[in-house]
N, C-alpha and C. Protein backbone atom coordinates (compact mmCIF):
# COMPACT_ATOMS: atom_id res chain seq x y z
N MET A 1 -69.98 -12.64 -91.02
CA MET A 1 -70.12 -13.90 -90.41
C MET A 1 -70.91 -13.65 -89.19
N LYS A 2 -71.90 -14.15 -88.96
CA LYS A 2 -72.67 -14.11 -87.66
C LYS A 2 -72.59 -15.45 -86.84
N LEU A 3 -72.21 -15.83 -85.87
CA LEU A 3 -71.61 -17.07 -85.02
C LEU A 3 -73.20 -16.86 -84.51
N SER A 4 -73.41 -18.39 -84.55
CA SER A 4 -74.62 -19.00 -83.46
C SER A 4 -74.33 -18.68 -81.68
N ARG A 5 -75.15 -18.92 -81.18
CA ARG A 5 -74.86 -19.46 -79.40
C ARG A 5 -74.27 -20.73 -79.56
N GLN A 6 -74.37 -21.75 -80.10
CA GLN A 6 -74.30 -22.93 -80.14
C GLN A 6 -72.84 -22.96 -81.00
N GLN A 7 -72.49 -22.72 -81.56
CA GLN A 7 -70.98 -22.18 -82.13
C GLN A 7 -70.13 -22.00 -81.18
N VAL A 8 -70.37 -21.09 -80.61
CA VAL A 8 -69.78 -20.28 -79.33
C VAL A 8 -69.66 -21.43 -78.27
N GLU A 9 -70.86 -22.14 -77.55
CA GLU A 9 -70.30 -23.14 -76.45
C GLU A 9 -69.71 -23.98 -77.27
N HIS A 10 -70.03 -24.60 -78.58
CA HIS A 10 -68.93 -25.35 -79.30
C HIS A 10 -67.97 -24.64 -79.21
N VAL A 11 -66.80 -24.42 -79.58
CA VAL A 11 -65.38 -23.34 -79.56
C VAL A 11 -65.16 -23.25 -77.90
N ALA A 12 -65.72 -23.01 -77.18
CA ALA A 12 -65.75 -23.14 -75.41
C ALA A 12 -65.18 -24.26 -75.13
N TRP A 13 -65.95 -25.31 -76.09
CA TRP A 13 -65.95 -26.98 -75.62
C TRP A 13 -64.77 -27.60 -75.54
N LEU A 14 -64.41 -26.98 -76.85
CA LEU A 14 -63.58 -27.53 -77.09
C LEU A 14 -61.98 -26.65 -76.93
N ALA A 15 -61.65 -25.65 -76.06
CA ALA A 15 -61.12 -25.23 -75.22
C ALA A 15 -61.09 -25.56 -74.27
N ARG A 16 -61.98 -25.95 -73.33
CA ARG A 16 -62.44 -26.29 -72.51
C ARG A 16 -62.41 -25.45 -71.42
N LEU A 17 -63.24 -24.55 -72.16
CA LEU A 17 -63.73 -22.75 -70.81
C LEU A 17 -64.66 -23.02 -70.24
N GLY A 18 -64.72 -22.92 -69.29
CA GLY A 18 -66.23 -22.78 -68.54
C GLY A 18 -66.68 -21.45 -68.83
N LEU A 19 -67.72 -21.18 -69.81
CA LEU A 19 -68.41 -19.85 -70.15
C LEU A 19 -69.64 -19.61 -69.26
N SER A 20 -69.82 -18.49 -68.54
CA SER A 20 -71.28 -18.29 -67.98
C SER A 20 -72.03 -17.56 -68.85
N GLU A 21 -73.53 -17.72 -68.61
CA GLU A 21 -74.60 -16.83 -69.49
C GLU A 21 -74.19 -15.65 -69.99
N ASP A 22 -73.59 -14.57 -69.52
CA ASP A 22 -73.13 -13.48 -69.64
C ASP A 22 -71.56 -13.16 -71.17
N GLU A 23 -70.94 -14.47 -70.63
CA GLU A 23 -69.43 -14.59 -71.34
C GLU A 23 -70.23 -15.05 -72.57
N ILE A 24 -71.07 -16.16 -72.69
CA ILE A 24 -71.45 -16.85 -73.79
C ILE A 24 -71.95 -15.49 -74.76
N GLU A 25 -73.16 -14.88 -74.39
CA GLU A 25 -73.30 -13.59 -74.94
C GLU A 25 -72.60 -12.61 -75.81
N LYS A 26 -71.54 -12.27 -74.70
CA LYS A 26 -70.14 -11.35 -75.32
C LYS A 26 -69.45 -12.03 -76.13
N PHE A 27 -69.15 -13.18 -75.93
CA PHE A 27 -67.97 -13.68 -77.07
C PHE A 27 -68.80 -13.91 -78.28
N THR A 28 -70.01 -14.38 -78.40
CA THR A 28 -70.57 -14.66 -79.81
C THR A 28 -71.12 -12.88 -80.38
N VAL A 29 -70.94 -12.06 -79.90
CA VAL A 29 -71.00 -10.46 -80.16
C VAL A 29 -69.34 -10.47 -80.15
N GLU A 30 -68.47 -10.47 -79.93
CA GLU A 30 -66.81 -10.06 -79.94
C GLU A 30 -66.18 -11.27 -81.35
N LEU A 31 -66.81 -12.37 -81.00
CA LEU A 31 -66.10 -13.25 -82.19
C LEU A 31 -67.27 -13.57 -82.88
N SER A 32 -68.35 -12.88 -83.46
CA SER A 32 -69.24 -12.61 -84.50
C SER A 32 -68.04 -11.42 -85.09
N ASN A 33 -67.80 -10.07 -84.47
CA ASN A 33 -67.24 -9.12 -85.41
C ASN A 33 -65.41 -9.26 -85.95
N ILE A 34 -65.24 -10.58 -84.87
CA ILE A 34 -63.95 -10.22 -85.73
C ILE A 34 -64.36 -11.09 -86.92
N LEU A 35 -64.44 -12.29 -87.17
CA LEU A 35 -65.08 -12.83 -88.30
C LEU A 35 -65.61 -11.62 -89.12
N GLU A 36 -66.28 -10.78 -89.16
CA GLU A 36 -66.71 -9.29 -90.21
C GLU A 36 -65.81 -9.02 -90.61
N ASN A 37 -64.76 -8.61 -89.80
CA ASN A 37 -63.49 -8.14 -90.23
C ASN A 37 -62.73 -8.82 -90.75
N PHE A 38 -62.36 -10.40 -90.74
CA PHE A 38 -61.32 -10.87 -91.55
C PHE A 38 -62.39 -10.95 -93.11
N GLU A 39 -63.51 -11.19 -92.77
CA GLU A 39 -64.80 -11.03 -94.24
C GLU A 39 -64.05 -9.64 -94.94
N ILE A 40 -64.15 -8.47 -94.24
CA ILE A 40 -63.16 -7.38 -94.83
C ILE A 40 -62.01 -7.41 -95.51
N LEU A 41 -61.40 -8.10 -94.85
CA LEU A 41 -59.88 -8.12 -95.38
C LEU A 41 -59.76 -9.03 -96.35
N ASN A 42 -60.53 -10.28 -96.38
CA ASN A 42 -60.75 -11.17 -97.94
C ASN A 42 -61.46 -10.54 -99.06
N GLN A 43 -61.83 -9.24 -98.96
CA GLN A 43 -61.95 -8.56 -100.10
C GLN A 43 -60.88 -7.56 -100.59
N VAL A 44 -60.07 -7.28 -100.24
CA VAL A 44 -58.61 -6.91 -100.60
C VAL A 44 -58.21 -7.45 -101.70
N ASP A 45 -58.06 -6.99 -102.90
CA ASP A 45 -57.06 -6.91 -103.74
C ASP A 45 -55.62 -7.12 -103.68
N ILE A 46 -54.98 -8.27 -103.54
CA ILE A 46 -54.17 -8.43 -103.06
C ILE A 46 -52.77 -9.51 -104.47
N ALA A 47 -53.84 -8.76 -106.20
CA ALA A 47 -53.31 -9.75 -107.26
C ALA A 47 -52.09 -9.26 -106.97
N ASP A 48 -51.02 -8.16 -107.28
CA ASP A 48 -50.02 -7.51 -106.88
C ASP A 48 -49.13 -7.01 -106.73
N VAL A 49 -49.25 -7.84 -105.40
CA VAL A 49 -48.64 -7.60 -103.97
C VAL A 49 -47.84 -8.78 -104.00
N PRO A 50 -46.47 -8.83 -103.69
CA PRO A 50 -45.50 -10.13 -103.80
C PRO A 50 -45.77 -10.68 -102.21
N PRO A 51 -45.55 -11.55 -102.22
CA PRO A 51 -45.60 -13.02 -101.18
C PRO A 51 -43.89 -12.44 -100.20
N ALA A 52 -44.45 -12.01 -98.96
CA ALA A 52 -43.37 -11.88 -98.40
C ALA A 52 -43.03 -12.65 -96.81
N THR A 53 -42.29 -12.87 -96.74
CA THR A 53 -42.21 -13.84 -95.07
C THR A 53 -42.13 -12.79 -93.86
N HIS A 54 -41.39 -11.63 -94.06
CA HIS A 54 -41.38 -10.71 -93.06
C HIS A 54 -42.18 -9.50 -93.62
N ALA A 55 -42.68 -8.91 -92.85
CA ALA A 55 -43.05 -6.70 -93.15
C ALA A 55 -42.00 -5.91 -93.06
N VAL A 56 -40.76 -6.76 -92.33
CA VAL A 56 -39.49 -5.84 -92.00
C VAL A 56 -38.47 -7.36 -92.28
N PRO A 57 -37.51 -6.09 -92.56
CA PRO A 57 -36.31 -6.33 -93.28
C PRO A 57 -35.27 -7.17 -91.54
N LEU A 58 -35.19 -8.37 -91.89
CA LEU A 58 -34.11 -9.40 -90.86
C LEU A 58 -32.55 -8.79 -90.81
N GLN A 59 -32.42 -8.98 -89.53
CA GLN A 59 -31.26 -8.70 -89.12
C GLN A 59 -30.63 -9.38 -88.28
N SER A 60 -29.52 -10.10 -88.26
CA SER A 60 -29.35 -11.33 -86.67
C SER A 60 -28.81 -10.03 -86.11
N VAL A 61 -28.96 -10.52 -84.42
CA VAL A 61 -28.85 -10.01 -83.55
C VAL A 61 -27.80 -10.34 -82.68
N PHE A 62 -26.86 -11.48 -83.18
CA PHE A 62 -26.19 -12.12 -82.07
C PHE A 62 -24.98 -11.75 -82.63
N ARG A 63 -23.61 -11.26 -82.02
CA ARG A 63 -22.79 -10.90 -82.35
C ARG A 63 -21.65 -11.99 -82.80
N GLU A 64 -20.21 -11.84 -83.80
CA GLU A 64 -19.96 -13.12 -83.91
C GLU A 64 -19.45 -13.59 -82.77
N ASP A 65 -18.52 -14.65 -82.84
CA ASP A 65 -17.96 -15.41 -81.66
C ASP A 65 -16.31 -14.48 -81.39
N GLN A 66 -15.87 -14.46 -80.49
CA GLN A 66 -14.41 -13.51 -80.34
C GLN A 66 -13.77 -14.71 -79.19
N SER A 67 -12.65 -14.79 -79.23
CA SER A 67 -12.11 -15.81 -78.37
C SER A 67 -11.04 -14.79 -77.38
N PHE A 68 -11.16 -15.02 -76.65
CA PHE A 68 -10.32 -14.14 -75.53
C PHE A 68 -9.17 -14.88 -75.04
N PRO A 69 -7.93 -14.49 -74.55
CA PRO A 69 -6.91 -15.27 -73.81
C PRO A 69 -7.88 -15.80 -72.21
N SER A 70 -7.51 -16.95 -71.90
CA SER A 70 -7.82 -17.22 -70.44
C SER A 70 -6.89 -16.98 -69.69
N TYR A 71 -7.18 -16.97 -68.39
CA TYR A 71 -6.22 -16.15 -67.43
C TYR A 71 -5.37 -17.55 -67.25
N PRO A 72 -4.01 -16.83 -66.18
CA PRO A 72 -3.45 -17.91 -66.38
C PRO A 72 -3.66 -18.67 -65.17
N GLN A 73 -3.45 -19.68 -65.29
CA GLN A 73 -3.72 -21.75 -64.41
C GLN A 73 -3.65 -21.16 -62.68
N SER A 74 -2.70 -20.54 -62.60
CA SER A 74 -2.16 -19.71 -61.18
C SER A 74 -2.56 -18.79 -60.63
N ASP A 75 -3.69 -18.12 -61.35
CA ASP A 75 -4.16 -16.73 -60.75
C ASP A 75 -5.75 -17.52 -60.76
N VAL A 76 -5.79 -18.53 -61.57
CA VAL A 76 -7.44 -19.07 -61.50
C VAL A 76 -7.23 -19.88 -60.38
N LEU A 77 -6.41 -20.50 -59.94
CA LEU A 77 -6.46 -21.60 -58.78
C LEU A 77 -5.67 -20.52 -57.33
N ALA A 78 -5.72 -19.74 -57.42
CA ALA A 78 -4.89 -18.75 -56.30
C ALA A 78 -5.80 -18.57 -54.80
N ASN A 79 -6.79 -18.53 -55.02
CA ASN A 79 -7.94 -18.73 -53.86
C ASN A 79 -8.75 -19.97 -53.62
N ALA A 80 -8.21 -21.23 -54.53
CA ALA A 80 -8.97 -22.42 -54.02
C ALA A 80 -8.67 -22.62 -52.80
N PRO A 81 -9.44 -23.38 -52.10
CA PRO A 81 -8.88 -23.95 -51.00
C PRO A 81 -8.62 -25.54 -50.95
N LYS A 82 -8.63 -26.26 -51.94
CA LYS A 82 -7.38 -27.20 -51.82
C LYS A 82 -7.29 -27.39 -53.79
N ARG A 83 -6.07 -27.83 -53.96
CA ARG A 83 -5.83 -28.09 -54.97
C ARG A 83 -4.71 -29.08 -55.50
N GLU A 84 -4.95 -29.97 -56.55
CA GLU A 84 -4.33 -31.36 -56.82
C GLU A 84 -4.35 -31.37 -57.89
N GLU A 85 -2.64 -31.51 -58.77
CA GLU A 85 -2.28 -31.11 -59.90
C GLU A 85 -2.90 -30.56 -60.54
N GLY A 86 -2.90 -29.25 -60.60
CA GLY A 86 -2.92 -28.29 -60.86
C GLY A 86 -4.80 -28.22 -61.23
N CYS A 87 -5.54 -28.41 -60.74
CA CYS A 87 -6.67 -28.69 -60.97
C CYS A 87 -7.84 -27.86 -59.50
N PHE A 88 -8.72 -28.21 -58.97
CA PHE A 88 -10.05 -28.06 -58.09
C PHE A 88 -9.83 -28.98 -57.56
N LYS A 89 -9.32 -29.55 -56.48
CA LYS A 89 -9.76 -30.94 -55.33
C LYS A 89 -11.95 -30.64 -54.99
N VAL A 90 -12.20 -31.67 -54.95
CA VAL A 90 -13.75 -31.45 -54.50
C VAL A 90 -13.96 -32.47 -53.62
N LYS A 91 -15.15 -32.65 -53.00
CA LYS A 91 -15.23 -33.70 -52.42
C LYS A 91 -16.22 -34.22 -53.32
N PRO A 92 -16.37 -35.45 -53.42
CA PRO A 92 -16.85 -36.68 -54.22
C PRO A 92 -18.79 -36.22 -53.87
N VAL A 93 -19.16 -36.40 -54.78
CA VAL A 93 -20.60 -35.94 -54.83
C VAL A 93 -21.76 -37.22 -54.80
N LEU A 94 -20.63 -38.49 -55.78
CA LEU A 94 -21.41 -39.76 -55.82
C LEU A 94 -20.15 -40.72 -55.33
N GLU A 95 -21.46 -41.58 -54.77
CA GLU A 95 -19.78 -42.45 -54.27
C GLU A 95 -20.60 -43.90 -54.78
């Protein structure tokens, strides 16, 4: 499919692209070539090809959650500058 200059200008306007004269000529040729490749792909017989959602089998890349015992409270608060009732004591941020 051969695109016209007006069609490329229209696509550029829809995409809010400011193209120079050289770019319009360049994209007219390049976009036409891309559409010609799609026309070739449309001629491929895919009647016997089952539909697939992915080209390769998927597997989960996440590990299962694992729980571990936490540190003792005395170890966590050992270097705290201020403590109160087993918690960190901090200055109020909002009043």
